[in-house]
N, C-alpha and C. Protein backbone atom coordinates (compact mmCIF):
# COMPACT_ATOMS: atom_id res chain seq x y z
N MET A 1 55.32 152.95 105.00
CA MET A 1 56.33 153.11 106.12
C MET A 1 57.76 152.64 105.55
N LYS A 2 58.83 153.32 106.22
CA LYS A 2 60.20 153.08 105.63
C LYS A 2 60.93 152.12 106.64
N ASP A 3 62.11 151.66 106.10
CA ASP A 3 62.92 151.00 106.69
C ASP A 3 63.97 151.92 107.70
N MET A 4 64.78 151.30 108.35
CA MET A 4 65.65 152.36 109.18
C MET A 4 67.02 151.49 109.18
N LEU A 5 68.18 151.94 109.20
CA LEU A 5 69.32 151.43 109.48
C LEU A 5 70.06 152.04 110.85
N VAL A 6 70.54 150.95 111.60
CA VAL A 6 71.26 151.31 112.88
C VAL A 6 72.65 150.85 112.94
N ARG A 7 73.47 151.53 113.15
CA ARG A 7 74.96 151.08 113.57
C ARG A 7 75.02 150.52 114.97
N LEU A 8 75.61 149.16 114.70
CA LEU A 8 75.69 148.52 115.93
C LEU A 8 77.14 148.47 116.99
N MET A 9 78.04 149.30 116.21
CA MET A 9 79.20 149.12 117.02
C MET A 9 79.26 150.23 118.39
N GLU A 10 78.22 151.01 118.63
CA GLU A 10 78.16 151.74 119.68
C GLU A 10 76.85 151.87 120.59
N LEU A 11 76.26 150.73 120.75
CA LEU A 11 75.06 150.81 121.40
C LEU A 11 75.05 150.95 122.82
N PRO A 12 73.83 152.00 123.35
CA PRO A 12 73.81 152.08 124.66
C PRO A 12 73.81 150.98 125.54
N GLU A 13 74.33 151.51 126.61
CA GLU A 13 74.07 150.40 127.86
C GLU A 13 72.74 150.51 128.44
N THR A 14 72.35 149.05 128.84
CA THR A 14 71.24 148.95 129.51
C THR A 14 71.17 148.31 131.02
N TRP A 15 72.41 148.22 131.39
CA TRP A 15 72.30 147.35 132.82
C TRP A 15 71.84 148.39 133.60
N ALA A 16 71.87 149.64 133.95
CA ALA A 16 71.28 150.41 134.97
C ALA A 16 69.84 150.27 134.93
N LEU A 17 69.23 150.34 133.67
CA LEU A 17 67.82 150.41 133.51
C LEU A 17 67.50 149.24 133.81
N GLU A 18 68.19 148.04 133.53
CA GLU A 18 67.61 146.77 133.69
C GLU A 18 67.60 146.51 135.40
N ALA A 19 68.68 146.85 135.92
CA ALA A 19 68.59 146.66 137.32
C ALA A 19 67.47 147.20 138.14
N LYS A 20 67.18 148.70 137.74
CA LYS A 20 66.02 149.41 138.28
C LYS A 20 64.89 148.80 138.05
N LEU A 21 64.53 148.19 136.67
CA LEU A 21 63.07 147.63 136.45
C LEU A 21 63.04 146.11 137.45
N LEU A 22 64.46 145.56 137.67
CA LEU A 22 64.28 144.58 138.38
C LEU A 22 64.21 144.68 139.79
N GLU A 23 64.65 145.65 140.39
CA GLU A 23 64.32 146.08 141.75
C GLU A 23 63.31 146.75 142.15
N LYS A 24 62.54 147.70 141.29
CA LYS A 24 61.30 148.31 141.68
C LYS A 24 60.33 147.59 140.89
N GLU A 25 60.29 146.98 139.90
CA GLU A 25 58.98 146.39 139.29
C GLU A 25 59.00 144.75 139.20
N ASN A 26 60.37 144.10 139.34
CA ASN A 26 60.44 142.76 139.44
C ASN A 26 60.30 142.30 137.68
N ILE A 27 60.97 143.08 136.92
CA ILE A 27 60.89 142.98 135.56
C ILE A 27 62.18 142.11 135.30
N VAL A 28 61.93 141.00 134.50
CA VAL A 28 63.06 140.20 134.33
C VAL A 28 63.11 140.20 132.59
N ILE A 29 64.62 140.46 131.97
CA ILE A 29 64.44 140.66 130.66
C ILE A 29 65.50 139.57 130.10
N ARG A 30 65.19 138.90 129.47
CA ARG A 30 65.96 137.43 128.85
C ARG A 30 65.89 137.08 127.67
N LYS A 31 66.43 136.03 127.08
CA LYS A 31 66.13 135.32 126.12
C LYS A 31 64.94 134.23 126.05
N ALA A 32 64.09 134.08 125.28
CA ALA A 32 62.98 133.40 125.27
C ALA A 32 63.66 131.78 124.83
N ILE A 33 62.89 130.79 125.44
CA ILE A 33 63.24 129.67 125.30
C ILE A 33 62.41 128.67 124.71
N ALA A 34 62.66 127.50 124.05
CA ALA A 34 61.67 126.84 123.28
C ALA A 34 60.41 126.45 123.90
N PRO A 35 60.52 125.97 125.31
CA PRO A 35 58.99 125.58 125.70
C PRO A 35 58.14 126.71 125.90
N GLU A 36 58.48 127.93 125.60
CA GLU A 36 57.83 129.05 125.77
C GLU A 36 57.05 129.33 124.66
N LYS A 37 57.29 129.00 123.53
CA LYS A 37 56.82 129.23 122.28
C LYS A 37 55.26 129.38 121.89
N HIS A 38 54.62 128.36 122.46
CA HIS A 38 52.87 128.83 122.44
C HIS A 38 52.46 129.61 123.56
N LEU A 39 52.98 129.92 124.48
CA LEU A 39 52.65 131.06 125.50
C LEU A 39 52.96 132.47 124.43
N LEU A 40 54.10 132.80 124.19
CA LEU A 40 54.67 134.04 123.63
C LEU A 40 53.93 134.08 122.13
N THR A 41 53.68 132.97 121.25
CA THR A 41 53.06 133.53 120.10
C THR A 41 51.44 133.60 120.37
N GLU A 42 51.00 132.91 121.39
CA GLU A 42 49.43 133.43 121.87
C GLU A 42 49.07 134.52 122.26
N TRP A 43 50.28 135.22 122.98
CA TRP A 43 50.02 136.39 123.64
C TRP A 43 50.45 137.60 122.69
N VAL A 44 51.57 137.30 121.56
CA VAL A 44 51.64 138.33 120.54
C VAL A 44 50.47 138.23 119.38
N ASN A 45 49.94 137.23 119.39
CA ASN A 45 48.66 137.21 118.51
C ASN A 45 47.49 138.26 119.05
N GLU A 46 47.34 137.98 120.37
CA GLU A 46 46.26 138.67 121.22
C GLU A 46 46.49 140.04 121.24
N GLN A 47 47.86 140.28 121.40
CA GLN A 47 48.36 141.89 121.54
C GLN A 47 48.55 142.68 120.30
N PHE A 48 49.11 141.96 119.18
CA PHE A 48 49.66 142.62 117.94
C PHE A 48 49.28 142.12 116.66
N GLY A 49 48.50 140.73 116.77
CA GLY A 49 48.06 140.01 115.42
C GLY A 49 48.83 138.98 114.90
N ALA A 50 48.26 138.31 113.98
CA ALA A 50 48.61 137.36 113.28
C ALA A 50 49.90 137.37 112.54
N TYR A 51 50.19 138.60 112.10
CA TYR A 51 51.35 138.86 111.27
C TYR A 51 52.54 138.67 112.11
N TRP A 52 52.69 139.49 113.32
CA TRP A 52 53.59 139.44 114.21
C TRP A 52 53.99 138.12 114.64
N LYS A 53 52.64 137.21 115.19
CA LYS A 53 52.53 135.84 115.68
C LYS A 53 53.57 134.90 114.63
N SER A 54 53.28 135.17 113.35
CA SER A 54 54.12 134.32 112.61
C SER A 54 55.59 134.55 112.46
N GLU A 55 55.85 135.95 112.72
CA GLU A 55 57.29 136.30 112.78
C GLU A 55 58.19 135.91 114.13
N VAL A 56 57.37 135.57 115.16
CA VAL A 56 57.81 135.23 116.73
C VAL A 56 57.85 133.51 116.27
N GLU A 57 56.97 133.10 115.44
CA GLU A 57 57.24 131.56 115.20
C GLU A 57 58.37 131.32 114.52
N VAL A 58 59.02 132.25 113.69
CA VAL A 58 60.23 131.93 113.08
C VAL A 58 61.21 132.24 113.77
N ALA A 59 61.21 133.15 114.85
CA ALA A 59 62.18 133.59 115.68
C ALA A 59 62.57 132.10 116.67
N PHE A 60 61.34 131.60 116.87
CA PHE A 60 61.38 130.24 117.80
C PHE A 60 62.01 128.84 116.83
N SER A 61 62.24 129.13 115.64
CA SER A 61 62.67 128.13 114.84
C SER A 61 64.11 128.21 114.87
N ARG A 62 64.63 129.18 115.20
CA ARG A 62 66.24 129.36 115.05
C ARG A 62 66.76 128.68 116.56
N GLN A 63 68.03 128.60 116.29
CA GLN A 63 68.77 127.81 117.60
C GLN A 63 69.85 128.61 117.99
N PRO A 64 70.16 129.59 118.77
CA PRO A 64 69.18 129.80 119.86
C PRO A 64 67.96 130.65 119.52
N VAL A 65 67.00 130.57 120.29
CA VAL A 65 65.84 131.46 119.76
C VAL A 65 66.28 133.01 119.37
N SER A 66 65.70 133.66 118.38
CA SER A 66 66.02 134.80 118.32
C SER A 66 65.05 135.87 118.70
N CYS A 67 64.74 135.73 119.97
CA CYS A 67 63.73 136.64 120.61
C CYS A 67 63.98 136.84 121.97
N TRP A 68 63.94 138.11 122.36
CA TRP A 68 64.01 138.42 123.79
C TRP A 68 62.61 138.86 124.48
N ILE A 69 62.66 138.52 125.73
CA ILE A 69 61.34 138.93 126.24
C ILE A 69 61.49 139.51 127.75
N ALA A 70 60.23 140.19 128.04
CA ALA A 70 60.35 140.71 129.30
C ALA A 70 59.29 140.34 130.22
N GLN A 71 59.37 139.97 131.26
CA GLN A 71 58.21 139.29 132.18
C GLN A 71 58.33 139.78 133.59
N ARG A 72 57.00 139.86 133.96
CA ARG A 72 56.94 139.82 135.56
C ARG A 72 56.19 138.53 136.09
N GLY A 73 57.04 137.95 136.92
CA GLY A 73 56.45 136.60 137.28
C GLY A 73 56.07 135.83 135.99
N ASN A 74 54.77 135.31 135.89
CA ASN A 74 54.62 134.58 134.73
C ASN A 74 53.70 135.50 133.79
N GLU A 75 53.94 136.67 133.72
CA GLU A 75 53.40 137.66 132.76
C GLU A 75 54.04 138.16 131.85
N VAL A 76 54.00 137.93 130.44
CA VAL A 76 54.74 138.74 129.33
C VAL A 76 54.23 140.18 129.45
N LEU A 77 55.49 141.08 129.35
CA LEU A 77 55.12 142.53 129.26
C LEU A 77 55.65 142.88 127.72
N GLY A 78 56.65 142.15 127.09
CA GLY A 78 57.15 142.72 125.91
C GLY A 78 57.83 141.69 125.13
N PHE A 79 58.28 141.82 124.03
CA PHE A 79 59.14 140.99 123.32
C PHE A 79 59.79 141.83 122.04
N ALA A 80 60.94 141.10 121.64
CA ALA A 80 61.74 141.66 120.57
C ALA A 80 62.41 140.75 120.01
N CYS A 81 62.00 140.56 118.70
CA CYS A 81 62.79 139.43 117.88
C CYS A 81 63.60 140.13 116.73
N TYR A 82 64.65 139.14 116.06
CA TYR A 82 65.32 139.85 115.22
C TYR A 82 65.70 138.41 114.37
N GLU A 83 66.07 138.61 112.97
CA GLU A 83 65.97 137.71 112.18
C GLU A 83 65.04 136.69 111.97
N SER A 84 63.81 137.57 111.82
CA SER A 84 62.45 136.66 111.59
C SER A 84 62.14 136.84 110.25
N THR A 85 61.91 138.14 109.70
CA THR A 85 61.48 138.30 108.52
C THR A 85 62.77 138.24 107.45
N ALA A 86 63.91 138.57 107.48
CA ALA A 86 65.31 138.36 106.75
C ALA A 86 66.31 138.51 107.61
N ARG A 87 67.38 137.90 107.02
CA ARG A 87 68.76 138.22 107.67
C ARG A 87 68.72 139.69 108.18
N ASN A 88 69.56 139.81 109.18
CA ASN A 88 69.82 141.24 109.77
C ASN A 88 68.67 141.99 109.78
N PHE A 89 67.44 141.71 109.85
CA PHE A 89 66.43 142.49 110.32
C PHE A 89 66.02 142.56 111.58
N PHE A 90 65.98 143.52 112.30
CA PHE A 90 65.43 143.71 113.74
C PHE A 90 63.87 143.61 113.46
N GLY A 91 63.24 142.98 114.64
CA GLY A 91 61.58 143.20 114.57
C GLY A 91 60.88 141.61 114.25
N PRO A 92 59.74 141.51 114.71
CA PRO A 92 58.79 142.68 115.45
C PRO A 92 59.31 142.85 116.69
N THR A 93 58.46 143.76 117.42
CA THR A 93 58.74 144.01 118.65
C THR A 93 57.56 144.78 119.36
N GLY A 94 57.32 144.65 120.60
CA GLY A 94 56.26 145.30 121.31
C GLY A 94 56.18 145.25 122.88
N THR A 95 55.49 146.10 123.34
CA THR A 95 55.37 146.05 125.01
C THR A 95 53.92 146.32 125.12
N LYS A 96 53.43 145.58 126.08
CA LYS A 96 52.08 145.72 126.67
C LYS A 96 51.79 147.02 126.99
N GLU A 97 50.70 147.66 126.54
CA GLU A 97 50.33 149.08 126.52
C GLU A 97 50.36 149.60 127.97
N SER A 98 50.06 148.82 128.84
CA SER A 98 50.12 149.09 130.05
C SER A 98 51.34 149.46 130.84
N GLU A 99 52.25 148.75 130.20
CA GLU A 99 53.53 148.76 130.55
C GLU A 99 54.51 149.86 130.01
N ARG A 100 54.20 150.52 129.05
CA ARG A 100 54.83 151.51 128.17
C ARG A 100 55.46 152.53 128.78
N GLY A 101 56.49 153.28 128.37
CA GLY A 101 57.06 154.39 129.14
C GLY A 101 57.91 153.84 130.46
N LYS A 102 58.12 152.73 130.43
CA LYS A 102 59.12 152.36 131.81
C LYS A 102 60.44 151.98 131.32
N GLY A 103 60.74 151.80 129.89
CA GLY A 103 61.97 151.49 129.39
C GLY A 103 62.22 150.35 128.73
N ILE A 104 61.20 149.38 129.19
CA ILE A 104 61.25 147.87 128.62
C ILE A 104 61.52 147.96 127.20
N GLY A 105 60.86 148.42 126.19
CA GLY A 105 61.00 148.64 124.87
C GLY A 105 62.57 148.85 124.41
N LYS A 106 63.03 149.83 125.19
CA LYS A 106 64.13 150.27 124.72
C LYS A 106 65.40 149.16 125.16
N ILE A 107 65.14 148.52 126.47
CA ILE A 107 66.05 147.48 126.61
C ILE A 107 66.02 146.14 125.68
N LEU A 108 64.72 146.01 125.43
CA LEU A 108 64.51 144.86 124.44
C LEU A 108 65.08 145.08 122.89
N LEU A 109 64.88 146.26 122.63
CA LEU A 109 65.61 146.66 121.20
C LEU A 109 67.13 146.50 121.37
N ILE A 110 67.64 147.15 122.31
CA ILE A 110 69.00 147.12 122.34
C ILE A 110 69.26 145.91 122.62
N LYS A 111 69.04 144.91 123.56
CA LYS A 111 69.47 143.60 123.52
C LYS A 111 69.47 142.92 122.32
N ALA A 112 68.37 143.07 121.45
CA ALA A 112 68.28 142.29 120.10
C ALA A 112 69.24 142.61 119.05
N LEU A 113 69.66 144.21 119.26
CA LEU A 113 70.66 144.66 118.54
C LEU A 113 71.81 144.13 118.86
N GLU A 114 72.17 143.91 119.95
CA GLU A 114 73.51 143.53 120.67
C GLU A 114 73.39 142.18 119.89
N SER A 115 72.51 141.22 119.89
CA SER A 115 72.42 139.73 119.52
C SER A 115 72.92 139.96 118.14
N LEU A 116 72.20 140.59 117.30
CA LEU A 116 72.79 140.73 115.75
C LEU A 116 74.18 141.12 115.88
N LYS A 117 74.76 142.26 116.58
CA LYS A 117 76.14 142.43 116.71
C LYS A 117 77.07 141.23 117.11
N GLU A 118 76.63 140.57 117.84
CA GLU A 118 77.17 139.34 118.22
C GLU A 118 77.38 138.18 117.13
N MET A 119 76.27 138.44 116.13
CA MET A 119 76.27 137.35 115.11
C MET A 119 77.25 138.01 113.72
N GLY A 120 78.11 138.96 114.01
CA GLY A 120 79.09 139.63 113.30
C GLY A 120 78.54 140.76 112.11
N TYR A 121 77.20 141.45 112.62
CA TYR A 121 76.71 142.35 111.65
C TYR A 121 77.44 143.62 112.39
N ALA A 122 77.58 144.45 111.46
CA ALA A 122 77.92 145.91 111.76
C ALA A 122 77.12 147.08 111.95
N TYR A 123 75.98 146.74 110.98
CA TYR A 123 74.67 147.55 110.67
C TYR A 123 73.34 146.60 110.81
N ALA A 124 72.26 147.05 111.21
CA ALA A 124 70.87 146.26 111.09
C ALA A 124 70.00 146.92 110.36
N ILE A 125 68.83 146.16 109.82
CA ILE A 125 67.89 146.95 109.65
C ILE A 125 66.91 146.74 110.46
N ILE A 126 65.93 147.88 110.35
CA ILE A 126 64.75 147.84 111.33
C ILE A 126 63.76 148.07 110.30
N GLY A 127 62.88 147.08 109.84
CA GLY A 127 62.06 147.24 108.81
C GLY A 127 60.54 147.52 109.16
N GLY A 128 60.06 148.33 108.14
CA GLY A 128 58.68 148.81 108.32
C GLY A 128 58.34 149.65 109.55
N VAL A 129 59.36 150.51 109.85
CA VAL A 129 59.24 151.27 111.14
C VAL A 129 57.91 152.15 111.19
N GLY A 130 57.36 151.92 112.79
CA GLY A 130 56.16 153.01 112.99
C GLY A 130 56.91 154.06 113.85
N PRO A 131 57.33 153.85 114.93
CA PRO A 131 57.60 154.86 115.50
C PRO A 131 59.18 155.55 115.28
N ILE A 132 59.43 156.35 114.37
CA ILE A 132 60.71 156.56 113.80
C ILE A 132 61.71 157.46 114.81
N GLU A 133 60.90 158.51 115.38
CA GLU A 133 61.38 159.19 116.34
C GLU A 133 62.17 158.15 117.81
N PHE A 134 61.37 157.17 118.03
CA PHE A 134 62.08 156.15 119.20
C PHE A 134 63.30 155.58 118.67
N TYR A 135 63.36 155.23 117.39
CA TYR A 135 64.42 154.31 116.99
C TYR A 135 65.78 155.28 116.97
N GLU A 136 65.26 156.68 115.89
CA GLU A 136 66.43 157.79 116.36
C GLU A 136 66.91 158.16 117.59
N LYS A 137 66.22 158.28 118.64
CA LYS A 137 66.63 158.86 119.82
C LYS A 137 67.21 157.72 120.72
N THR A 138 66.84 156.43 120.47
CA THR A 138 67.28 155.22 121.25
C THR A 138 68.55 154.71 120.99
N VAL A 139 68.58 154.47 119.54
CA VAL A 139 69.84 153.88 118.93
C VAL A 139 70.62 154.72 117.90
N GLY A 140 70.11 155.87 117.35
CA GLY A 140 70.68 156.46 116.64
C GLY A 140 70.61 156.15 115.06
N ALA A 141 69.08 155.25 114.87
CA ALA A 141 68.89 154.80 113.78
C ALA A 141 68.56 155.85 112.57
N LYS A 142 68.63 155.67 111.11
CA LYS A 142 68.63 156.78 110.29
C LYS A 142 67.52 156.00 109.32
N VAL A 143 66.79 156.76 108.80
CA VAL A 143 65.74 156.41 107.78
C VAL A 143 66.52 155.90 106.25
N ILE A 144 66.19 154.75 105.67
CA ILE A 144 66.90 154.43 104.68
C ILE A 144 65.77 155.28 103.28
N GLU A 145 66.30 156.19 102.78
CA GLU A 145 65.60 156.71 101.67
C GLU A 145 65.26 155.70 100.59
N GLY A 146 63.94 156.08 100.26
CA GLY A 146 63.73 155.20 99.09
C GLY A 146 63.06 153.75 99.36
N SER A 147 62.94 153.37 100.74
CA SER A 147 62.59 152.31 101.40
C SER A 147 61.02 151.93 101.57
N GLU A 148 60.48 152.70 101.30
CA GLU A 148 59.02 152.59 101.12
C GLU A 148 58.60 151.27 100.44
N ARG A 149 59.28 151.12 99.48
CA ARG A 149 58.81 149.85 98.56
C ARG A 149 60.19 148.61 99.37
N SER A 150 59.56 148.25 100.30
CA SER A 150 60.43 147.13 101.34
C SER A 150 60.26 145.80 100.83
N ILE A 151 60.74 145.06 101.80
CA ILE A 151 60.26 143.57 101.78
C ILE A 151 58.84 143.14 102.04
N TYR A 152 58.15 144.09 102.53
CA TYR A 152 56.64 144.21 102.98
C TYR A 152 55.81 144.44 101.69
N GLN A 153 56.26 144.75 100.93
CA GLN A 153 55.46 145.67 99.89
C GLN A 153 54.15 144.65 99.28
N ASN A 154 54.53 143.40 99.15
CA ASN A 154 53.43 142.54 98.47
C ASN A 154 52.86 141.52 99.45
N LEU A 155 53.01 141.77 100.61
CA LEU A 155 52.61 141.01 101.68
C LEU A 155 51.03 140.52 101.51
N LEU A 156 50.80 139.23 101.50
CA LEU A 156 49.43 138.92 101.41
C LEU A 156 48.89 139.39 102.71
N ARG A 157 47.47 139.60 102.32
CA ARG A 157 46.67 140.27 103.26
C ARG A 157 45.19 139.66 103.30
N LYS A 158 44.63 139.53 104.40
CA LYS A 158 43.14 139.26 104.52
C LYS A 158 42.52 140.01 103.80
N PRO A 159 41.41 139.73 102.79
CA PRO A 159 40.50 140.67 102.23
C PRO A 159 39.44 141.02 103.23
């Protein structure tokens, strides 16, 4: 998998899509807070596995927490972290399978990238990308050539 670079200066607006999701689906998108750590990390572990759980734990070690969440009532629908694996890195991010296609992932991505912009970055790295087309279309991200050997190249794995 390759890394991507995204320019943070002209990110798309999300307010209209956020308002629609709130009105039609009662979906709230906001920053996570410390008391939710155990619930979110358990959910991420169940939905996406232990590696992403570890990265979410790092996001909760930051002040303020470097993770956005989507929820409907007491149900987690998605999340997006930043500055978990490395400085200026976006991810991990994921949306519950049954909720995909509604724009939740798009909003979470843009909110997390806006947070990186607020920290003073002009560009951000999306590490180990799976859905390249999604990032190209949503935020104009570009593949970083030669990035196959990335920060994840020597990741310890269970045998």
